C-alpha atoms as a PDB file:
ATOM      1  CA  MET A   1     -23.808 -39.018 -83.738  1.00  0.00           C
ATOM      2  CA  THR A   2     -26.903 -37.125 -82.609  1.00  0.00           C
ATOM      3  CA  SER A   3     -26.516 -36.304 -78.960  1.00  0.00           C
ATOM      4  CA  THR A   4     -26.378 -33.784 -76.191  1.00  0.00           C
ATOM      5  CA  LEU A   5     -23.021 -33.341 -74.504  1.00  0.00           C
ATOM      6  CA  SER A   6     -22.334 -32.647 -70.858  1.00  0.00           C
ATOM      7  CA  SER A   7     -19.934 -29.793 -70.177  1.00  0.00           C
ATOM      8  CA  LYS A   8     -17.251 -32.360 -69.223  1.00  0.00           C
ATOM      9  CA  THR A   9     -17.453 -34.513 -72.353  1.00  0.00           C
ATOM     10  CA  LEU A  10     -14.193 -34.398 -74.332  1.00  0.00           C
ATOM     11  CA  LEU A  11     -14.357 -35.267 -77.993  1.00  0.00           C
ATOM     12  CA  THR A  12     -11.813 -36.636 -80.385  1.00  0.00           C
ATOM     13  CA  PHE A  13     -11.596 -35.037 -83.794  1.00  0.00           C
ATOM     14  CA  GLU A  14     -13.535 -37.994 -85.217  1.00  0.00           C
ATOM     15  CA  ASP A  15     -16.283 -37.476 -82.577  1.00  0.00           C
ATOM     16  CA  TYR A  16     -16.470 -33.812 -83.593  1.00  0.00           C
ATOM     17  CA  LEU A  17     -16.888 -34.717 -87.261  1.00  0.00           C
ATOM     18  CA  ALA A  18     -19.725 -37.085 -86.360  1.00  0.00           C
ATOM     19  CA  TYR A  19     -21.445 -34.699 -83.900  1.00  0.00           C
ATOM     20  CA  ASP A  20     -24.918 -33.530 -84.843  1.00  0.00           C
ATOM     21  CA  ASP A  21     -27.302 -31.982 -82.326  1.00  0.00           C
ATOM     22  CA  GLY A  22     -30.035 -31.518 -84.916  1.00  0.00           C
ATOM     23  CA  THR A  23     -29.646 -27.732 -85.075  1.00  0.00           C
ATOM     24  CA  ASP A  24     -27.979 -25.363 -87.524  1.00  0.00           C
ATOM     25  CA  THR A  25     -25.532 -24.188 -84.852  1.00  0.00           C
ATOM     26  CA  ARG A  26     -21.907 -23.991 -86.006  1.00  0.00           C
ATOM     27  CA  TYR A  27     -19.316 -25.395 -83.623  1.00  0.00           C
ATOM     28  CA  GLU A  28     -15.565 -25.253 -83.251  1.00  0.00           C
ATOM     29  CA  LEU A  29     -13.598 -27.848 -81.318  1.00  0.00           C
ATOM     30  CA  VAL A  30     -11.285 -26.424 -78.661  1.00  0.00           C
ATOM     31  CA  ASP A  31      -9.167 -28.837 -76.621  1.00  0.00           C
ATOM     32  CA  GLY A  32     -11.733 -31.568 -77.077  1.00  0.00           C
ATOM     33  CA  GLU A  33     -14.696 -29.393 -76.099  1.00  0.00           C
ATOM     34  CA  ILE A  34     -17.426 -28.407 -78.513  1.00  0.00           C
ATOM     35  CA  VAL A  35     -17.891 -24.615 -78.529  1.00  0.00           C
ATOM     36  CA  ALA A  36     -20.949 -23.036 -80.149  1.00  0.00           C
ATOM     37  CA  MET A  37     -20.068 -20.192 -82.470  1.00  0.00           C
ATOM     38  CA  PRO A  38     -22.372 -17.206 -82.003  1.00  0.00           C
ATOM     39  CA  PRO A  39     -23.970 -15.727 -85.106  1.00  0.00           C
ATOM     40  CA  GLU A  40     -21.703 -13.235 -86.850  1.00  0.00           C
ATOM     41  CA  SER A  41     -22.519  -9.547 -86.728  1.00  0.00           C
ATOM     42  CA  PRO A  42     -23.760  -7.994 -89.983  1.00  0.00           C
ATOM     43  CA  GLU A  43     -20.575  -5.855 -90.069  1.00  0.00           C
ATOM     44  CA  ASN A  44     -18.287  -8.894 -89.795  1.00  0.00           C
ATOM     45  CA  LEU A  45     -20.208 -10.769 -92.485  1.00  0.00           C
ATOM     46  CA  LYS A  46     -20.025  -7.732 -94.757  1.00  0.00           C
ATOM     47  CA  LEU A  47     -16.239  -7.453 -94.277  1.00  0.00           C
ATOM     48  CA  ALA A  48     -15.741 -11.161 -95.047  1.00  0.00           C
ATOM     49  CA  ARG A  49     -17.946 -10.948 -98.162  1.00  0.00           C
ATOM     50  CA  PHE A  50     -16.136  -7.828 -99.353  1.00  0.00           C
ATOM     51  CA  LEU A  51     -12.762  -9.572 -99.022  1.00  0.00           C
ATOM     52  CA  MET A  52     -14.141 -12.611-100.816  1.00  0.00           C
ATOM     53  CA  VAL A  53     -15.170 -10.440-103.766  1.00  0.00           C
ATOM     54  CA  GLN A  54     -11.717  -8.831-103.773  1.00  0.00           C
ATOM     55  CA  PHE A  55      -9.948 -12.216-103.737  1.00  0.00           C
ATOM     56  CA  LEU A  56     -12.174 -13.533-106.528  1.00  0.00           C
ATOM     57  CA  GLN A  57     -10.907 -10.781-108.824  1.00  0.00           C
ATOM     58  CA  TYR A  58      -7.495 -12.502-108.759  1.00  0.00           C
ATOM     59  CA  LEU A  59      -8.171 -16.140-107.873  1.00  0.00           C
ATOM     60  CA  PRO A  60     -10.310 -18.932-109.333  1.00  0.00           C
ATOM     61  CA  LEU A  61     -13.702 -19.420-107.665  1.00  0.00           C
ATOM     62  CA  ASP A  62     -12.826 -22.820-106.192  1.00  0.00           C
ATOM     63  CA  ARG A  63      -9.748 -21.459-104.379  1.00  0.00           C
ATOM     64  CA  VAL A  64     -11.763 -19.048-102.162  1.00  0.00           C
ATOM     65  CA  ALA A  65     -13.947 -20.657 -99.491  1.00  0.00           C
ATOM     66  CA  TYR A  66     -15.952 -19.992 -96.342  1.00  0.00           C
ATOM     67  CA  ASN A  67     -17.379 -22.446 -93.783  1.00  0.00           C
ATOM     68  CA  THR A  68     -14.369 -24.694 -94.327  1.00  0.00           C
ATOM     69  CA  GLU A  69     -13.128 -26.364 -91.165  1.00  0.00           C
ATOM     70  CA  VAL A  70      -9.405 -26.526 -90.436  1.00  0.00           C
ATOM     71  CA  GLU A  71      -8.069 -29.056 -87.956  1.00  0.00           C
ATOM     72  CA  VAL A  72      -5.322 -27.349 -85.948  1.00  0.00           C
ATOM     73  CA  MET A  73      -2.898 -28.391 -83.231  1.00  0.00           C
ATOM     74  CA  GLY A  74      -3.648 -28.106 -79.523  1.00  0.00           C
ATOM     75  CA  ARG A  75      -3.369 -29.939 -76.220  1.00  0.00           C
ATOM     76  CA  ARG A  76      -6.394 -31.924 -77.340  1.00  0.00           C
ATOM     77  CA  ALA A  77      -8.430 -32.061 -80.532  1.00  0.00           C
ATOM     78  CA  ARG A  78      -9.061 -28.647 -82.160  1.00  0.00           C
ATOM     79  CA  CYS A  79     -10.913 -27.480 -85.239  1.00  0.00           C
ATOM     80  CA  ARG A  80     -11.464 -23.878 -86.379  1.00  0.00           C
ATOM     81  CA  ILE A  81     -13.793 -22.347 -88.948  1.00  0.00           C
ATOM     82  CA  PRO A  82     -12.144 -19.202 -90.334  1.00  0.00           C
ATOM     83  CA  ASP A  83     -14.346 -16.453 -91.759  1.00  0.00           C
ATOM     84  CA  LEU A  84     -12.645 -16.863 -95.118  1.00  0.00           C
ATOM     85  CA  LEU A  85     -10.014 -19.160 -96.562  1.00  0.00           C
ATOM     86  CA  VAL A  86      -7.863 -19.314 -99.683  1.00  0.00           C
ATOM     87  CA  HIS A  87      -6.863 -22.823-100.657  1.00  0.00           C
ATOM     88  CA  SER A  88      -3.385 -23.703-101.757  1.00  0.00           C
ATOM     89  CA  GLU A  89      -3.319 -25.853-104.892  1.00  0.00           C
ATOM     90  CA  GLU A  90      -2.507 -28.812-102.636  1.00  0.00           C
ATOM     91  CA  SER A  91      -5.280 -28.231-100.076  1.00  0.00           C
ATOM     92  CA  LEU A  92      -7.816 -27.770-102.866  1.00  0.00           C
ATOM     93  CA  LEU A  93      -6.825 -31.098-104.407  1.00  0.00           C
ATOM     94  CA  ALA A  94      -6.929 -32.827-101.011  1.00  0.00           C
ATOM     95  CA  ILE A  95     -10.456 -31.638-100.174  1.00  0.00           C
ATOM     96  CA  GLN A  96     -12.115 -32.018-103.600  1.00  0.00           C
ATOM     97  CA  ASP A  97     -13.459 -35.543-103.206  1.00  0.00           C
ATOM     98  CA  GLN A  98     -14.210 -35.315 -99.486  1.00  0.00           C
ATOM     99  CA  PRO A  99     -17.789 -35.515 -98.160  1.00  0.00           C
ATOM    100  CA  ARG A 100     -17.232 -32.519 -95.875  1.00  0.00           C
ATOM    101  CA  ALA A 101     -15.322 -29.227 -96.283  1.00  0.00           C
ATOM    102  CA  THR A 102     -12.769 -30.110 -93.613  1.00  0.00           C
ATOM    103  CA  LEU A 103      -8.993 -29.869 -93.900  1.00  0.00           C
ATOM    104  CA  THR A 104      -7.628 -32.489 -91.525  1.00  0.00           C
ATOM    105  CA  ARG A 105      -4.083 -32.401 -90.150  1.00  0.00           C
ATOM    106  CA  ASP A 106      -2.945 -35.020 -92.656  1.00  0.00           C
ATOM    107  CA  MET A 107      -3.951 -32.708 -95.539  1.00  0.00           C
ATOM    108  CA  PRO A 108      -1.886 -29.771 -96.800  1.00  0.00           C
ATOM    109  CA  PRO A 109      -2.742 -26.429 -95.158  1.00  0.00           C
ATOM    110  CA  PRO A 110      -4.666 -23.676 -96.918  1.00  0.00           C
ATOM    111  CA  ALA A 111      -2.595 -20.768 -98.221  1.00  0.00           C
ATOM    112  CA  LEU A 112      -4.441 -18.043 -96.299  1.00  0.00           C
ATOM    113  CA  VAL A 113      -7.071 -17.740 -93.569  1.00  0.00           C
ATOM    114  CA  VAL A 114      -8.982 -14.605 -92.549  1.00  0.00           C
ATOM    115  CA  GLU A 115     -10.562 -13.976 -89.169  1.00  0.00           C
ATOM    116  CA  VAL A 116     -12.733 -10.893 -88.621  1.00  0.00           C
ATOM    117  CA  VAL A 117     -12.484 -10.011 -84.924  1.00  0.00           C
ATOM    118  CA  SER A 118     -15.830 -10.035 -83.119  1.00  0.00           C
ATOM    119  CA  PRO A 119     -16.514  -7.589 -80.279  1.00  0.00           C
ATOM    120  CA  GLY A 120     -15.323  -8.560 -76.806  1.00  0.00           C
ATOM    121  CA  GLU A 121     -11.989  -9.163 -75.118  1.00  0.00           C
ATOM    122  CA  ALA A 122     -12.334 -12.961 -75.248  1.00  0.00           C
ATOM    123  CA  ASN A 123     -12.771 -12.796 -79.033  1.00  0.00           C
ATOM    124  CA  ARG A 124      -9.767 -10.489 -79.394  1.00  0.00           C
ATOM    125  CA  SER A 125      -7.605 -12.877 -77.391  1.00  0.00           C
ATOM    126  CA  ARG A 126      -8.883 -15.840 -79.389  1.00  0.00           C
ATOM    127  CA  ASP A 127      -8.111 -14.234 -82.776  1.00  0.00           C
ATOM    128  CA  TYR A 128      -4.866 -12.419 -81.918  1.00  0.00           C
ATOM    129  CA  ARG A 129      -3.339 -15.039 -79.665  1.00  0.00           C
ATOM    130  CA  HIS A 130      -4.867 -18.523 -79.786  1.00  0.00           C
ATOM    131  CA  LYS A 131      -5.758 -18.782 -83.458  1.00  0.00           C
ATOM    132  CA  ARG A 132      -2.492 -17.089 -84.425  1.00  0.00           C
ATOM    133  CA  THR A 133      -0.566 -19.845 -82.633  1.00  0.00           C
ATOM    134  CA  GLU A 134      -2.793 -22.597 -84.037  1.00  0.00           C
ATOM    135  CA  TYR A 135      -2.578 -21.374 -87.634  1.00  0.00           C
ATOM    136  CA  ALA A 136       1.189 -20.921 -87.314  1.00  0.00           C
ATOM    137  CA  ALA A 137       1.569 -24.489 -86.036  1.00  0.00           C
ATOM    138  CA  ARG A 138      -0.476 -25.620 -89.056  1.00  0.00           C
ATOM    139  CA  GLY A 139       2.010 -23.858 -91.372  1.00  0.00           C
ATOM    140  CA  ILE A 140      -0.558 -21.591 -93.048  1.00  0.00           C
ATOM    141  CA  ALA A 141       1.345 -19.080 -95.227  1.00  0.00           C
ATOM    142  CA  GLU A 142      -0.778 -16.056 -94.266  1.00  0.00           C
ATOM    143  CA  TYR A 143      -3.201 -15.301 -91.469  1.00  0.00           C
ATOM    144  CA  TRP A 144      -5.173 -12.046 -91.766  1.00  0.00           C
ATOM    145  CA  ILE A 145      -6.708 -10.519 -88.641  1.00  0.00           C
ATOM    146  CA  VAL A 146      -9.304  -7.959 -89.720  1.00  0.00           C
ATOM    147  CA  ASP A 147     -10.177  -5.758 -86.748  1.00  0.00           C
ATOM    148  CA  PRO A 148     -13.260  -3.521 -87.149  1.00  0.00           C
ATOM    149  CA  GLU A 149     -12.765  -2.005 -83.685  1.00  0.00           C
ATOM    150  CA  THR A 150      -9.308  -0.596 -84.478  1.00  0.00           C
ATOM    151  CA  CYS A 151      -9.843  -0.334 -88.265  1.00  0.00           C
ATOM    152  CA  GLN A 152      -6.652  -2.241 -88.952  1.00  0.00           C
ATOM    153  CA  VAL A 153      -5.558  -5.448 -90.640  1.00  0.00           C
ATOM    154  CA  THR A 154      -2.706  -7.532 -89.264  1.00  0.00           C
ATOM    155  CA  ILE A 155      -1.166  -9.844 -91.842  1.00  0.00           C
ATOM    156  CA  CYS A 156       0.844 -12.633 -90.249  1.00  0.00           C
ATOM    157  CA  GLU A 157       3.221 -14.020 -92.863  1.00  0.00           C
ATOM    158  CA  TRP A 158       4.949 -17.395 -92.502  1.00  0.00           C
ATOM    159  CA  VAL A 159       8.706 -16.714 -92.620  1.00  0.00           C
ATOM    160  CA  ASP A 160      11.377 -19.221 -91.583  1.00  0.00           C
ATOM    161  CA  GLY A 161       9.035 -21.293 -89.425  1.00  0.00           C
ATOM    162  CA  GLN A 162       7.125 -18.522 -87.656  1.00  0.00           C
ATOM    163  CA  TYR A 163       4.764 -15.630 -88.286  1.00  0.00           C
ATOM    164  CA  GLU A 164       6.040 -12.113 -88.860  1.00  0.00           C
ATOM    165  CA  ASP A 165       3.285  -9.537 -88.379  1.00  0.00           C
ATOM    166  CA  THR A 166       2.676  -6.384 -90.382  1.00  0.00           C
ATOM    167  CA  VAL A 167      -0.099  -4.041 -89.254  1.00  0.00           C
ATOM    168  CA  PHE A 168      -1.872  -2.021 -91.956  1.00  0.00           C
ATOM    169  CA  GLN A 169      -3.980   1.069 -91.226  1.00  0.00           C
ATOM    170  CA  GLY A 170      -5.566   4.008 -93.006  1.00  0.00           C
ATOM    171  CA  ASP A 171      -4.465   4.511 -96.597  1.00  0.00           C
ATOM    172  CA  GLU A 172      -1.828   1.754 -96.475  1.00  0.00           C
ATOM    173  CA  ALA A 173      -2.281  -0.859 -99.200  1.00  0.00           C
ATOM    174  CA  LEU A 174      -2.546  -4.454 -98.019  1.00  0.00           C
ATOM    175  CA  GLN A 175       0.430  -6.547 -99.132  1.00  0.00           C
ATOM    176  CA  SER A 176      -0.035 -10.264 -99.592  1.00  0.00           C
ATOM    177  CA  THR A 177       2.285 -12.954-100.892  1.00  0.00           C
ATOM    178  CA  VAL A 178      -0.721 -15.227-101.511  1.00  0.00           C
ATOM    179  CA  VAL A 179      -2.756 -12.608-103.409  1.00  0.00           C
ATOM    180  CA  PRO A 180      -0.006 -10.192-104.530  1.00  0.00           C
ATOM    181  CA  GLN A 181      -2.234  -8.439-107.082  1.00  0.00           C
ATOM    182  CA  ILE A 182      -4.714  -7.200-104.477  1.00  0.00           C
ATOM    183  CA  ALA A 183      -5.039  -3.434-104.673  1.00  0.00           C
ATOM    184  CA  LEU A 184      -6.889  -2.528-101.510  1.00  0.00           C
ATOM    185  CA  THR A 185      -6.208  -0.087 -98.702  1.00  0.00           C
ATOM    186  CA  VAL A 186      -7.471  -0.533 -95.164  1.00  0.00           C
ATOM    187  CA  ASP A 187      -9.633   2.590 -95.536  1.00  0.00           C
ATOM    188  CA  GLN A 188     -11.260   1.052 -98.638  1.00  0.00           C
ATOM    189  CA  LEU A 189     -11.900  -2.218 -96.810  1.00  0.00           C
ATOM    190  CA  PHE A 190     -13.680  -0.568 -93.920  1.00  0.00           C
ATOM    191  CA  ALA A 191     -15.424   2.098 -96.016  1.00  0.00           C
ATOM    192  CA  ASP A 192     -16.612  -0.121 -98.858  1.00  0.00           C
ATOM    193  CA  SER A 193     -17.600  -3.167 -96.868  1.00  0.00           C
END
């Protein structure tokens, strides 16, 4: 589906998967509307890569992914592209033979997603509020919000059907149920990345 969309065109999830405007622009789907994702800042990319290297010390290579789309719940069709993702055994099996790195709603959720907050109030609201709700509704065991502006990491852990948040700062070691072996403080994350 190569096309140009008007600002009023609402897509289904299937339309989104078929959409191709002939550019390398990455898009998310938000309530049926295609939203261009701006290029990441060098700092945000560095933080995501640093976390990937940390995760790979404890997890197999195929369990850690980036540029993987996750269909989430919303009023209309929604699809997010987290900065980093850790597959559950089940989500990895479900996606292995697929032509595209997309976890649809009928597939098991990933175990963990990471979003690095981009500058701007709209981005903060999107990562702290909207994506938090969407990832919770998807049943993702952990959602990490890495915030370069405040130098903190919020780990939202799935407990009894909802997220419980723990905020880590300074010399506090990150605590994960998905990657329990990780030995990393917030200071190390922001200093070493």
